Amino acid sequence: MVEIKKCLDTYALVEIFLGNKKFTDYLHKEFIINDLTLAEFYGVLLREEDEKVAHYWFKKLERYSQPADIDTLIESVKFRQAHKKTNISFFDAVGYIFSIKNGCYFVTGDKEFEDFDFVEFKKK
């Protein structure tokens, strides 16, 4: 059976950083991250830790990062507007749309995505 590639969101990256075993296994599988998610994760680490930690994780993950094209960004804006009652962030909308466009499952623990298609939902 062929395993479908995963697209990790910031929630999953933070859990990996924290050493949560439910998420650290993703580091040993095929995965991608869009560049906006990587930038958001960098910002979280910069705020919660320091620049040295943020830079370390950026360098560790940048080879898995792929750009989100303008069509993905526009589709993400539309998706967010269509689901405005769920309070989905722009970064999460981009991650979700990006993952679908790249044939991946969106790995998250954000409750807003629990019932969406093409989501691998995991809680802490």
PDB file of N, CA and C in Angstrom:
ATOM      1  N   MET A   1       0.836  -1.188   0.000  1.00  0.00           N
ATOM      2  CA  MET A   1       0.000   0.000   0.000  1.00  0.00           C
ATOM      3  C   MET A   1       0.877   1.246   0.000  1.00  0.00           C
ATOM      4  N   VAL A   2       0.594   2.169  -0.885  1.00  0.00           N
ATOM      5  CA  VAL A   2       1.361   3.397  -0.994  1.00  0.00           C
ATOM      6  C   VAL A   2       0.822   4.420   0.004  1.00  0.00           C
ATOM      7  N   GLU A   3       1.731   4.989   0.781  1.00  0.00           N
ATOM      8  CA  GLU A   3       1.316   5.995   1.756  1.00  0.00           C
ATOM      9  C   GLU A   3       1.311   7.370   1.095  1.00  0.00           C
ATOM     10  N   ILE A   4       0.258   8.115   1.316  1.00  0.00           N
ATOM     11  CA  ILE A   4       0.136   9.452   0.745  1.00  0.00           C
ATOM     12  C   ILE A   4       1.004  10.416   1.540  1.00  0.00           C
ATOM     13  N   LYS A   5       1.720  11.256   0.816  1.00  0.00           N
ATOM     14  CA  LYS A   5       2.594  12.241   1.434  1.00  0.00           C
ATOM     15  C   LYS A   5       1.784  13.167   2.334  1.00  0.00           C
ATOM     16  N   LYS A   6       2.437  13.682   3.360  1.00  0.00           N
ATOM     17  CA  LYS A   6       1.790  14.576   4.321  1.00  0.00           C
ATOM     18  C   LYS A   6       2.307  15.999   4.137  1.00  0.00           C
ATOM     19  N   CYS A   7       1.429  16.942   4.432  1.00  0.00           N
ATOM     20  CA  CYS A   7       1.785  18.360   4.445  1.00  0.00           C
ATOM     21  C   CYS A   7       1.549  18.835   5.882  1.00  0.00           C
ATOM     22  N   LEU A   8       2.613  19.183   6.565  1.00  0.00           N
ATOM     23  CA  LEU A   8       2.531  19.548   7.975  1.00  0.00           C
ATOM     24  C   LEU A   8       2.173  21.018   8.144  1.00  0.00           C
ATOM     25  N   ASP A   9       1.292  21.288   9.101  1.00  0.00           N
ATOM     26  CA  ASP A   9       0.978  22.676   9.409  1.00  0.00           C
ATOM     27  C   ASP A   9       1.772  23.121  10.635  1.00  0.00           C
ATOM     28  N   THR A  10       1.605  24.360  11.026  1.00  0.00           N
ATOM     29  CA  THR A  10       2.361  24.919  12.144  1.00  0.00           C
ATOM     30  C   THR A  10       2.063  24.168  13.436  1.00  0.00           C
ATOM     31  N   TYR A  11       0.816  23.786  13.646  1.00  0.00           N
ATOM     32  CA  TYR A  11       0.441  23.006  14.828  1.00  0.00           C
ATOM     33  C   TYR A  11       1.312  21.751  14.912  1.00  0.00           C
ATOM     34  N   ALA A  12       1.416  21.020  13.814  1.00  0.00           N
ATOM     35  CA  ALA A  12       2.210  19.788  13.792  1.00  0.00           C
ATOM     36  C   ALA A  12       3.688  20.095  14.033  1.00  0.00           C
ATOM     37  N   LEU A  13       4.197  21.169  13.442  1.00  0.00           N
ATOM     38  CA  LEU A  13       5.603  21.522  13.629  1.00  0.00           C
ATOM     39  C   LEU A  13       5.906  21.881  15.077  1.00  0.00           C
ATOM     40  N   VAL A  14       4.991  22.595  15.718  1.00  0.00           N
ATOM     41  CA  VAL A  14       5.187  22.941  17.130  1.00  0.00           C
ATOM     42  C   VAL A  14       5.204  21.666  17.975  1.00  0.00           C
ATOM     43  N   GLU A  15       4.322  20.740  17.696  1.00  0.00           N
ATOM     44  CA  GLU A  15       4.286  19.488  18.443  1.00  0.00           C
ATOM     45  C   GLU A  15       5.564  18.668  18.215  1.00  0.00           C
ATOM     46  N   ILE A  16       6.095  18.704  17.005  1.00  0.00           N
ATOM     47  CA  ILE A  16       7.380  18.050  16.727  1.00  0.00           C
ATOM     48  C   ILE A  16       8.469  18.715  17.555  1.00  0.00           C
ATOM     49  N   PHE A  17       8.499  20.034  17.551  1.00  0.00           N
ATOM     50  CA  PHE A  17       9.474  20.787  18.337  1.00  0.00           C
ATOM     51  C   PHE A  17       9.388  20.418  19.819  1.00  0.00           C
ATOM     52  N   LEU A  18       8.178  20.240  20.322  1.00  0.00           N
ATOM     53  CA  LEU A  18       7.970  19.911  21.736  1.00  0.00           C
ATOM     54  C   LEU A  18       8.274  18.446  22.057  1.00  0.00           C
ATOM     55  N   GLY A  19       8.518  17.644  21.010  1.00  0.00           N
ATOM     56  CA  GLY A  19       8.863  16.240  21.209  1.00  0.00           C
ATOM     57  C   GLY A  19       7.683  15.310  21.363  1.00  0.00           C
ATOM     58  N   ASN A  20       6.498  15.750  20.953  1.00  0.00           N
ATOM     59  CA  ASN A  20       5.300  14.922  21.046  1.00  0.00           C
ATOM     60  C   ASN A  20       5.433  13.731  20.097  1.00  0.00           C
ATOM     61  N   LYS A  21       5.466  12.538  20.666  1.00  0.00           N
ATOM     62  CA  LYS A  21       5.676  11.327  19.866  1.00  0.00           C
ATOM     63  C   LYS A  21       4.575  11.062  18.846  1.00  0.00           C
ATOM     64  N   LYS A  22       3.390  11.622  19.056  1.00  0.00           N
ATOM     65  CA  LYS A  22       2.318  11.480  18.065  1.00  0.00           C
ATOM     66  C   LYS A  22       2.682  12.206  16.770  1.00  0.00           C
ATOM     67  N   PHE A  23       3.610  13.140  16.847  1.00  0.00           N
ATOM     68  CA  PHE A  23       3.981  13.948  15.689  1.00  0.00           C
ATOM     69  C   PHE A  23       5.421  13.717  15.218  1.00  0.00           C
ATOM     70  N   THR A  24       6.328  13.345  16.106  1.00  0.00           N
ATOM     71  CA  THR A  24       7.740  13.235  15.713  1.00  0.00           C
ATOM     72  C   THR A  24       7.976  12.157  14.656  1.00  0.00           C
ATOM     73  N   ASP A  25       7.093  11.165  14.566  1.00  0.00           N
ATOM     74  CA  ASP A  25       7.240  10.137  13.531  1.00  0.00           C
ATOM     75  C   ASP A  25       7.162  10.722  12.121  1.00  0.00           C
ATOM     76  N   TYR A  26       6.521  11.858  11.964  1.00  0.00           N
ATOM     77  CA  TYR A  26       6.430  12.479  10.638  1.00  0.00           C
ATOM     78  C   TYR A  26       7.801  12.848  10.085  1.00  0.00           C
ATOM     79  N   LEU A  27       8.757  13.063  10.969  1.00  0.00           N
ATOM     80  CA  LEU A  27      10.111  13.394  10.508  1.00  0.00           C
ATOM     81  C   LEU A  27      10.765  12.224   9.778  1.00  0.00           C
ATOM     82  N   HIS A  28      10.204  11.020   9.941  1.00  0.00           N
ATOM     83  CA  HIS A  28      10.758   9.823   9.307  1.00  0.00           C
ATOM     84  C   HIS A  28       9.912   9.354   8.129  1.00  0.00           C
ATOM     85  N   LYS A  29       8.986  10.191   7.712  1.00  0.00           N
ATOM     86  CA  LYS A  29       8.127   9.884   6.567  1.00  0.00           C
ATOM     87  C   LYS A  29       8.290  10.987   5.523  1.00  0.00           C
ATOM     88  N   GLU A  30       7.682  10.762   4.383  1.00  0.00           N
ATOM     89  CA  GLU A  30       7.736  11.772   3.327  1.00  0.00           C
ATOM     90  C   GLU A  30       6.730  12.880   3.640  1.00  0.00           C
ATOM     91  N   PHE A  31       7.229  14.122   3.740  1.00  0.00           N
ATOM     92  CA  PHE A  31       6.352  15.249   4.028  1.00  0.00           C
ATOM     93  C   PHE A  31       6.867  16.501   3.343  1.00  0.00           C
ATOM     94  N   ILE A  32       5.966  17.480   3.238  1.00  0.00           N
ATOM     95  CA  ILE A  32       6.328  18.801   2.737  1.00  0.00           C
ATOM     96  C   ILE A  32       5.725  19.852   3.668  1.00  0.00           C
ATOM     97  N   ILE A  33       6.221  21.061   3.512  1.00  0.00           N
ATOM     98  CA  ILE A  33       5.730  22.228   4.238  1.00  0.00           C
ATOM     99  C   ILE A  33       5.692  23.352   3.217  1.00  0.00           C
ATOM    100  N   ASN A  34       4.662  24.181   3.251  1.00  0.00           N
ATOM    101  CA  ASN A  34       4.719  25.328   2.344  1.00  0.00           C
ATOM    102  C   ASN A  34       5.534  26.430   3.024  1.00  0.00           C
ATOM    103  N   ASP A  35       6.077  27.320   2.211  1.00  0.00           N
ATOM    104  CA  ASP A  35       6.997  28.328   2.745  1.00  0.00           C
ATOM    105  C   ASP A  35       6.341  29.283   3.742  1.00  0.00           C
ATOM    106  N   LEU A  36       5.048  29.539   3.608  1.00  0.00           N
ATOM    107  CA  LEU A  36       4.368  30.414   4.570  1.00  0.00           C
ATOM    108  C   LEU A  36       4.240  29.730   5.929  1.00  0.00           C
ATOM    109  N   THR A  37       3.992  28.443   5.929  1.00  0.00           N
ATOM    110  CA  THR A  37       3.931  27.698   7.184  1.00  0.00           C
ATOM    111  C   THR A  37       5.287  27.698   7.873  1.00  0.00           C
ATOM    112  N   LEU A  38       6.345  27.497   7.101  1.00  0.00           N
ATOM    113  CA  LEU A  38       7.686  27.527   7.676  1.00  0.00           C
ATOM    114  C   LEU A  38       7.985  28.904   8.275  1.00  0.00           C
ATOM    115  N   ALA A  39       7.573  29.957   7.587  1.00  0.00           N
ATOM    116  CA  ALA A  39       7.777  31.312   8.113  1.00  0.00           C
ATOM    117  C   ALA A  39       6.958  31.529   9.391  1.00  0.00           C
ATOM    118  N   GLU A  40       5.732  31.030   9.411  1.00  0.00           N
ATOM    119  CA  GLU A  40       4.912  31.163  10.618  1.00  0.00           C
ATOM    120  C   GLU A  40       5.543  30.400  11.782  1.00  0.00           C
ATOM    121  N   PHE A  41       6.038  29.200  11.527  1.00  0.00           N
ATOM    122  CA  PHE A  41       6.696  28.398  12.564  1.00  0.00           C
ATOM    123  C   PHE A  41       7.942  29.127  13.085  1.00  0.00           C
ATOM    124  N   TYR A  42       8.706  29.707  12.187  1.00  0.00           N
ATOM    125  CA  TYR A  42       9.868  30.497  12.582  1.00  0.00           C
ATOM    126  C   TYR A  42       9.438  31.612  13.547  1.00  0.00           C
ATOM    127  N   GLY A  43       8.350  32.283  13.211  1.00  0.00           N
ATOM    128  CA  GLY A  43       7.841  33.356  14.057  1.00  0.00           C
ATOM    129  C   GLY A  43       7.405  32.871  15.429  1.00  0.00           C
ATOM    130  N   VAL A  44       6.787  31.701  15.488  1.00  0.00           N
ATOM    131  CA  VAL A  44       6.376  31.125  16.770  1.00  0.00           C
ATOM    132  C   VAL A  44       7.611  30.861  17.631  1.00  0.00           C
ATOM    133  N   LEU A  45       8.626  30.249  17.036  1.00  0.00           N
ATOM    134  CA  LEU A  45       9.840  29.951  17.788  1.00  0.00           C
ATOM    135  C   LEU A  45      10.588  31.214  18.192  1.00  0.00           C
ATOM    136  N   LEU A  46      10.587  32.195  17.329  1.00  0.00           N
ATOM    137  CA  LEU A  46      11.229  33.472  17.664  1.00  0.00           C
ATOM    138  C   LEU A  46      10.537  34.107  18.865  1.00  0.00           C
ATOM    139  N   ARG A  47       9.215  34.049  18.897  1.00  0.00           N
ATOM    140  CA  ARG A  47       8.434  34.623  19.997  1.00  0.00           C
ATOM    141  C   ARG A  47       8.567  33.819  21.285  1.00  0.00           C
ATOM    142  N   GLU A  48       8.516  32.482  21.171  1.00  0.00           N
ATOM    143  CA  GLU A  48       8.487  31.619  22.352  1.00  0.00           C
ATOM    144  C   GLU A  48       9.872  31.212  22.857  1.00  0.00           C
ATOM    145  N   GLU A  49      10.845  31.203  21.969  1.00  0.00           N
ATOM    146  CA  GLU A  49      12.203  30.769  22.328  1.00  0.00           C
ATOM    147  C   GLU A  49      13.179  31.917  22.072  1.00  0.00           C
ATOM    148  N   ASP A  50      13.916  31.834  20.971  1.00  0.00           N
ATOM    149  CA  ASP A  50      14.829  32.910  20.574  1.00  0.00           C
ATOM    150  C   ASP A  50      15.247  32.705  19.114  1.00  0.00           C
ATOM    151  N   GLU A  51      16.016  33.631  18.600  1.00  0.00           N
ATOM    152  CA  GLU A  51      16.407  33.577  17.191  1.00  0.00           C
ATOM    153  C   GLU A  51      17.281  32.362  16.876  1.00  0.00           C
ATOM    154  N   LYS A  52      18.128  31.969  17.806  1.00  0.00           N
ATOM    155  CA  LYS A  52      19.002  30.811  17.585  1.00  0.00           C
ATOM    156  C   LYS A  52      18.172  29.541  17.376  1.00  0.00           C
ATOM    157  N   VAL A  53      17.173  29.331  18.211  1.00  0.00           N
ATOM    158  CA  VAL A  53      16.296  28.154  18.087  1.00  0.00           C
ATOM    159  C   VAL A  53      15.484  28.236  16.794  1.00  0.00           C
ATOM    160  N   ALA A  54      14.943  29.403  16.505  1.00  0.00           N
ATOM    161  CA  ALA A  54      14.153  29.592  15.284  1.00  0.00           C
ATOM    162  C   ALA A  54      15.006  29.305  14.048  1.00  0.00           C
ATOM    163  N   HIS A  55      16.236  29.793  14.026  1.00  0.00           N
ATOM    164  CA  HIS A  55      17.125  29.582  12.890  1.00  0.00           C
ATOM    165  C   HIS A  55      17.487  28.096  12.745  1.00  0.00           C
ATOM    166  N   TYR A  56      17.764  27.446  13.867  1.00  0.00           N
ATOM    167  CA  TYR A  56      18.087  26.017  13.845  1.00  0.00           C
ATOM    168  C   TYR A  56      16.967  25.223  13.160  1.00  0.00           C
ATOM    169  N   TRP A  57      15.728  25.453  13.592  1.00  0.00           N
ATOM    170  CA  TRP A  57      14.599  24.715  13.025  1.00  0.00           C
ATOM    171  C   TRP A  57      14.313  25.115  11.590  1.00  0.00           C
ATOM    172  N   PHE A  58      14.534  26.365  11.261  1.00  0.00           N
ATOM    173  CA  PHE A  58      14.384  26.798   9.868  1.00  0.00           C
ATOM    174  C   PHE A  58      15.356  26.015   8.979  1.00  0.00           C
ATOM    175  N   LYS A  59      16.617  25.949   9.385  1.00  0.00           N
ATOM    176  CA  LYS A  59      17.620  25.238   8.590  1.00  0.00           C
ATOM    177  C   LYS A  59      17.295  23.739   8.514  1.00  0.00           C
ATOM    178  N   LYS A  60      16.786  23.185   9.602  1.00  0.00           N
ATOM    179  CA  LYS A  60      16.449  21.762   9.645  1.00  0.00           C
ATOM    180  C   LYS A  60      15.304  21.421   8.686  1.00  0.00           C
ATOM    181  N   LEU A  61      14.356  22.343   8.524  1.00  0.00           N
ATOM    182  CA  LEU A  61      13.142  22.072   7.756  1.00  0.00           C
ATOM    183  C   LEU A  61      13.094  22.706   6.367  1.00  0.00           C
ATOM    184  N   GLU A  62      13.985  23.612   6.056  1.00  0.00           N
ATOM    185  CA  GLU A  62      13.852  24.359   4.801  1.00  0.00           C
ATOM    186  C   GLU A  62      13.906  23.482   3.555  1.00  0.00           C
ATOM    187  N   ARG A  63      14.582  22.363   3.618  1.00  0.00           N
ATOM    188  CA  ARG A  63      14.649  21.485   2.431  1.00  0.00           C
ATOM    189  C   ARG A  63      13.306  20.835   2.109  1.00  0.00           C
ATOM    190  N   TYR A  64      12.383  20.839   3.072  1.00  0.00           N
ATOM    191  CA  TYR A  64      11.045  20.293   2.864  1.00  0.00           C
ATOM    192  C   TYR A  64      10.039  21.360   2.422  1.00  0.00           C
ATOM    193  N   SER A  65      10.502  22.587   2.393  1.00  0.00           N
ATOM    194  CA  SER A  65       9.626  23.726   2.101  1.00  0.00           C
ATOM    195  C   SER A  65       9.473  23.944   0.600  1.00  0.00           C
ATOM    196  N   GLN A  66       8.236  24.228   0.209  1.00  0.00           N
ATOM    197  CA  GLN A  66       7.939  24.523  -1.186  1.00  0.00           C
ATOM    198  C   GLN A  66       7.093  25.788  -1.241  1.00  0.00           C
ATOM    199  N   PRO A  67       7.278  26.589  -2.279  1.00  0.00           N
ATOM    200  CA  PRO A  67       6.507  27.834  -2.372  1.00  0.00           C
ATOM    201  C   PRO A  67       5.034  27.593  -2.697  1.00  0.00           C
ATOM    202  N   ALA A  68       4.197  28.440  -2.150  1.00  0.00           N
ATOM    203  CA  ALA A  68       2.773  28.451  -2.490  1.00  0.00           C
ATOM    204  C   ALA A  68       2.585  29.489  -3.597  1.00  0.00           C
ATOM    205  N   ASP A  69       2.114  29.052  -4.743  1.00  0.00           N
ATOM    206  CA  ASP A  69       1.961  29.979  -5.870  1.00  0.00           C
ATOM    207  C   ASP A  69       0.757  30.905  -5.662  1.00  0.00           C
ATOM    208  N   ILE A  70       0.664  31.903  -6.507  1.00  0.00           N
ATOM    209  CA  ILE A  70      -0.380  32.922  -6.367  1.00  0.00           C
ATOM    210  C   ILE A  70      -1.780  32.315  -6.493  1.00  0.00           C
ATOM    211  N   ASP A  71      -1.956  31.322  -7.344  1.00  0.00           N
ATOM    212  CA  ASP A  71      -3.271  30.676  -7.471  1.00  0.00           C
ATOM    213  C   ASP A  71      -3.672  30.004  -6.151  1.00  0.00           C
ATOM    214  N   THR A  72      -2.719  29.390  -5.490  1.00  0.00           N
ATOM    215  CA  THR A  72      -2.984  28.772  -4.184  1.00  0.00           C
ATOM    216  C   THR A  72      -3.358  29.837  -3.160  1.00  0.00           C
ATOM    217  N   LEU A  73      -2.658  30.960  -3.183  1.00  0.00           N
ATOM    218  CA  LEU A  73      -2.952  32.044  -2.239  1.00  0.00           C
ATOM    219  C   LEU A  73      -4.352  32.608  -2.455  1.00  0.00           C
ATOM    220  N   ILE A  74      -4.715  32.821  -3.707  1.00  0.00           N
ATOM    221  CA  ILE A  74      -6.053  33.356  -4.020  1.00  0.00           C
ATOM    222  C   ILE A  74      -7.135  32.348  -3.637  1.00  0.00           C
ATOM    223  N   GLU A  75      -6.910  31.078  -3.958  1.00  0.00           N
ATOM    224  CA  GLU A  75      -7.879  30.052  -3.589  1.00  0.00           C
ATOM    225  C   GLU A  75      -8.005  29.955  -2.058  1.00  0.00           C
ATOM    226  N   SER A  76      -6.910  30.182  -1.359  1.00  0.00           N
ATOM    227  CA  SER A  76      -6.920  30.156   0.108  1.00  0.00           C
ATOM    228  C   SER A  76      -7.736  31.306   0.686  1.00  0.00           C
ATOM    229  N   VAL A  77      -7.629  32.465   0.074  1.00  0.00           N
ATOM    230  CA  VAL A  77      -8.436  33.620   0.502  1.00  0.00           C
ATOM    231  C   VAL A  77      -9.915  33.293   0.325  1.00  0.00           C
ATOM    232  N   LYS A  78     -10.259  32.702  -0.799  1.00  0.00           N
ATOM    233  CA  LYS A  78     -11.651  32.325  -1.056  1.00  0.00           C
ATOM    234  C   LYS A  78     -12.121  31.257  -0.063  1.00  0.00           C
ATOM    235  N   PHE A  79     -11.270  30.279   0.197  1.00  0.00           N
ATOM    236  CA  PHE A  79     -11.606  29.219   1.155  1.00  0.00           C
ATOM    237  C   PHE A  79     -11.847  29.815   2.540  1.00  0.00           C
ATOM    238  N   ARG A  80     -10.969  30.711   2.944  1.00  0.00           N
ATOM    239  CA  ARG A  80     -11.112  31.343   4.262  1.00  0.00           C
ATOM    240  C   ARG A  80     -12.409  32.144   4.341  1.00  0.00           C
ATOM    241  N   GLN A  81     -12.738  32.856   3.279  1.00  0.00           N
ATOM    242  CA  GLN A  81     -13.977  33.632   3.238  1.00  0.00           C
ATOM    243  C   GLN A  81     -15.193  32.715   3.314  1.00  0.00           C
ATOM    244  N   ALA A  82     -15.131  31.596   2.610  1.00  0.00           N
ATOM    245  CA  ALA A  82     -16.248  30.654   2.606  1.00  0.00           C
ATOM    246  C   ALA A  82     -16.447  29.987   3.971  1.00  0.00           C
ATOM    247  N   HIS A  83     -15.395  29.966   4.785  1.00  0.00           N
ATOM    248  CA  HIS A  83     -15.454  29.332   6.112  1.00  0.00           C
ATOM    249  C   HIS A  83     -15.174  30.347   7.220  1.00  0.00           C
ATOM    250  N   LYS A  84     -15.610  31.588   7.013  1.00  0.00           N
ATOM    251  CA  LYS A  84     -15.271  32.651   7.962  1.00  0.00           C
ATOM    252  C   LYS A  84     -15.820  32.414   9.361  1.00  0.00           C
ATOM    253  N   LYS A  85     -16.879  31.637   9.500  1.00  0.00           N
ATOM    254  CA  LYS A  85     -17.432  31.359  10.832  1.00  0.00           C
ATOM    255  C   LYS A  85     -16.534  30.422  11.637  1.00  0.00           C
ATOM    256  N   THR A  86     -15.603  29.733  10.987  1.00  0.00           N
ATOM    257  CA  THR A  86     -14.736  28.782  11.683  1.00  0.00           C
ATOM    258  C   THR A  86     -13.458  29.419  12.208  1.00  0.00           C
ATOM    259  N   ASN A  87     -13.197  30.663  11.855  1.00  0.00           N
ATOM    260  CA  ASN A  87     -12.016  31.375  12.354  1.00  0.00           C
ATOM    261  C   ASN A  87     -10.697  30.736  11.892  1.00  0.00           C
ATOM    262  N   ILE A  88     -10.671  30.203  10.682  1.00  0.00           N
ATOM    263  CA  ILE A  88      -9.455  29.626  10.105  1.00  0.00           C
ATOM    264  C   ILE A  88      -8.506  30.765   9.742  1.00  0.00           C
ATOM    265  N   SER A  89      -7.252  30.632  10.155  1.00  0.00           N
ATOM    266  CA  SER A  89      -6.259  31.668   9.849  1.00  0.00           C
ATOM    267  C   SER A  89      -5.861  31.589   8.374  1.00  0.00           C
ATOM    268  N   PHE A  90      -5.300  32.665   7.877  1.00  0.00           N
ATOM    269  CA  PHE A  90      -4.808  32.680   6.503  1.00  0.00           C
ATOM    270  C   PHE A  90      -3.723  31.624   6.319  1.00  0.00           C
ATOM    271  N   PHE A  91      -2.802  31.524   7.279  1.00  0.00           N
ATOM    272  CA  PHE A  91      -1.732  30.527   7.186  1.00  0.00           C
ATOM    273  C   PHE A  91      -2.305  29.114   7.092  1.00  0.00           C
ATOM    274  N   ASP A  92      -3.304  28.816   7.909  1.00  0.00           N
ATOM    275  CA  ASP A  92      -3.909  27.487   7.871  1.00  0.00           C
ATOM    276  C   ASP A  92      -4.681  27.246   6.574  1.00  0.00           C
ATOM    277  N   ALA A  93      -5.340  28.274   6.074  1.00  0.00           N
ATOM    278  CA  ALA A  93      -6.051  28.140   4.794  1.00  0.00           C
ATOM    279  C   ALA A  93      -5.062  27.825   3.678  1.00  0.00           C
ATOM    280  N   VAL A  94      -3.942  28.529   3.670  1.00  0.00           N
ATOM    281  CA  VAL A  94      -2.912  28.263   2.656  1.00  0.00           C
ATOM    282  C   VAL A  94      -2.390  26.840   2.805  1.00  0.00           C
ATOM    283  N   GLY A  95      -2.115  26.419   4.036  1.00  0.00           N
ATOM    284  CA  GLY A  95      -1.618  25.060   4.254  1.00  0.00           C
ATOM    285  C   GLY A  95      -2.573  24.007   3.743  1.00  0.00           C
ATOM    286  N   TYR A  96      -3.859  24.195   4.010  1.00  0.00           N
ATOM    287  CA  TYR A  96      -4.867  23.226   3.587  1.00  0.00           C
ATOM    288  C   TYR A  96      -4.990  23.178   2.061  1.00  0.00           C
ATOM    289  N   ILE A  97      -5.150  24.322   1.441  1.00  0.00           N
ATOM    290  CA  ILE A  97      -5.287  24.370  -0.024  1.00  0.00           C
ATOM    291  C   ILE A  97      -4.010  23.874  -0.697  1.00  0.00           C
ATOM    292  N   PHE A  98      -2.871  24.285  -0.188  1.00  0.00           N
ATOM    293  CA  PHE A  98      -1.577  23.843  -0.716  1.00  0.00           C
ATOM    294  C   PHE A  98      -1.471  22.314  -0.661  1.00  0.00           C
ATOM    295  N   SER A  99      -1.881  21.729   0.458  1.00  0.00           N
ATOM    296  CA  SER A  99      -1.774  20.277   0.598  1.00  0.00           C
ATOM    297  C   SER A  99      -2.660  19.555  -0.417  1.00  0.00           C
ATOM    298  N   ILE A 100      -3.874  20.042  -0.589  1.00  0.00           N
ATOM    299  CA  ILE A 100      -4.778  19.419  -1.571  1.00  0.00           C
ATOM    300  C   ILE A 100      -4.194  19.530  -2.973  1.00  0.00           C
ATOM    301  N   LYS A 101      -3.692  20.707  -3.327  1.00  0.00           N
ATOM    302  CA  LYS A 101      -3.139  20.913  -4.674  1.00  0.00           C
ATOM    303  C   LYS A 101      -1.907  20.047  -4.923  1.00  0.00           C
ATOM    304  N   ASN A 102      -1.245  19.610  -3.847  1.00  0.00           N
ATOM    305  CA  ASN A 102      -0.046  18.785  -3.986  1.00  0.00           C
ATOM    306  C   ASN A 102      -0.308  17.309  -3.686  1.00  0.00           C
ATOM    307  N   GLY A 103      -1.601  16.939  -3.601  1.00  0.00           N
ATOM    308  CA  GLY A 103      -1.961  15.544  -3.400  1.00  0.00           C
ATOM    309  C   GLY A 103      -1.554  14.981  -2.056  1.00  0.00           C
ATOM    310  N   CYS A 104      -1.594  15.819  -1.032  1.00  0.00           N
ATOM    311  CA  CYS A 104      -1.174  15.423   0.311  1.00  0.00           C
ATOM    312  C   CYS A 104      -2.340  15.485   1.288  1.00  0.00           C
ATOM    313  N   TYR A 105      -2.143  14.815   2.415  1.00  0.00           N
ATOM    314  CA  TYR A 105      -3.030  15.009   3.556  1.00  0.00           C
ATOM    315  C   TYR A 105      -2.470  16.155   4.385  1.00  0.00           C
ATOM    316  N   PHE A 106      -3.353  17.015   4.870  1.00  0.00           N
ATOM    317  CA  PHE A 106      -2.992  18.147   5.718  1.00  0.00           C
ATOM    318  C   PHE A 106      -2.971  17.657   7.155  1.00  0.00           C
ATOM    319  N   VAL A 107      -1.797  17.664   7.777  1.00  0.00           N
ATOM    320  CA  VAL A 107      -1.643  17.171   9.149  1.00  0.00           C
ATOM    321  C   VAL A 107      -1.777  18.342  10.114  1.00  0.00           C
ATOM    322  N   THR A 108      -2.799  18.265  10.972  1.00  0.00           N
ATOM    323  CA  THR A 108      -3.064  19.349  11.914  1.00  0.00           C
ATOM    324  C   THR A 108      -3.783  18.808  13.146  1.00  0.00           C
ATOM    325  N   GLY A 109      -3.783  19.612  14.166  1.00  0.00           N
ATOM    326  CA  GLY A 109      -4.576  19.339  15.355  1.00  0.00           C
ATOM    327  C   GLY A 109      -5.548  20.467  15.607  1.00  0.00           C
ATOM    328  N   ASP A 110      -5.604  21.406  14.664  1.00  0.00           N
ATOM    329  CA  ASP A 110      -6.531  22.536  14.775  1.00  0.00           C
ATOM    330  C   ASP A 110      -7.961  22.040  14.596  1.00  0.00           C
ATOM    331  N   LYS A 111      -8.780  22.271  15.616  1.00  0.00           N
ATOM    332  CA  LYS A 111     -10.148  21.739  15.643  1.00  0.00           C
ATOM    333  C   LYS A 111     -10.994  22.187  14.457  1.00  0.00           C
ATOM    334  N   GLU A 112     -10.678  23.316  13.866  1.00  0.00           N
ATOM    335  CA  GLU A 112     -11.446  23.820  12.725  1.00  0.00           C
ATOM    336  C   GLU A 112     -11.405  22.859  11.540  1.00  0.00           C
ATOM    337  N   PHE A 113     -10.371  22.016  11.474  1.00  0.00           N
ATOM    338  CA  PHE A 113     -10.190  21.119  10.325  1.00  0.00           C
ATOM    339  C   PHE A 113     -10.604  19.671  10.609  1.00  0.00           C
ATOM    340  N   GLU A 114     -11.100  19.405  11.782  1.00  0.00           N
ATOM    341  CA  GLU A 114     -11.365  18.026  12.202  1.00  0.00           C
ATOM    342  C   GLU A 114     -12.265  17.264  11.233  1.00  0.00           C
ATOM    343  N   ASP A 115     -13.245  17.918  10.641  1.00  0.00           N
ATOM    344  CA  ASP A 115     -14.205  17.222   9.774  1.00  0.00           C
ATOM    345  C   ASP A 115     -13.998  17.493   8.280  1.00  0.00           C
ATOM    346  N   PHE A 116     -12.884  18.100   7.917  1.00  0.00           N
ATOM    347  CA  PHE A 116     -12.605  18.380   6.509  1.00  0.00           C
ATOM    348  C   PHE A 116     -12.001  17.152   5.837  1.00  0.00           C
ATOM    349  N   ASP A 117     -12.245  17.032   4.537  1.00  0.00           N
ATOM    350  CA  ASP A 117     -11.614  15.981   3.740  1.00  0.00           C
ATOM    351  C   ASP A 117     -10.126  16.274   3.603  1.00  0.00           C
ATOM    352  N   PHE A 118      -9.356  15.226   3.359  1.00  0.00           N
ATOM    353  CA  PHE A 118      -7.912  15.321   3.121  1.00  0.00           C
ATOM    354  C   PHE A 118      -7.149  15.890   4.318  1.00  0.00           C
ATOM    355  N   VAL A 119      -7.677  15.610   5.517  1.00  0.00           N
ATOM    356  CA  VAL A 119      -7.025  16.057   6.751  1.00  0.00           C
ATOM    357  C   VAL A 119      -6.683  14.837   7.595  1.00  0.00           C
ATOM    358  N   GLU A 120      -5.470  14.833   8.088  1.00  0.00           N
ATOM    359  CA  GLU A 120      -5.074  13.842   9.086  1.00  0.00           C
ATOM    360  C   GLU A 120      -5.063  14.597  10.402  1.00  0.00           C
ATOM    361  N   PHE A 121      -6.129  14.431  11.152  1.00  0.00           N
ATOM    362  CA  PHE A 121      -6.331  15.207  12.384  1.00  0.00           C
ATOM    363  C   PHE A 121      -5.733  14.476  13.580  1.00  0.00           C
ATOM    364  N   LYS A 122      -4.867  15.154  14.296  1.00  0.00           N
ATOM    365  CA  LYS A 122      -4.237  14.579  15.483  1.00  0.00           C
ATOM    366  C   LYS A 122      -4.277  15.606  16.592  1.00  0.00           C
ATOM    367  N   LYS A 123      -4.607  15.131  17.775  1.00  0.00           N
ATOM    368  CA  LYS A 123      -4.569  15.991  18.953  1.00  0.00           C
ATOM    369  C   LYS A 123      -3.337  15.649  19.773  1.00  0.00           C
ATOM    370  N   LYS A 124      -2.953  16.576  20.619  1.00  0.00           N
ATOM    371  CA  LYS A 124      -1.762  16.409  21.466  1.00  0.00           C
ATOM    372  C   LYS A 124      -1.759  15.135  22.218  1.00  0.00           C
TER     373      LYS A 124
END
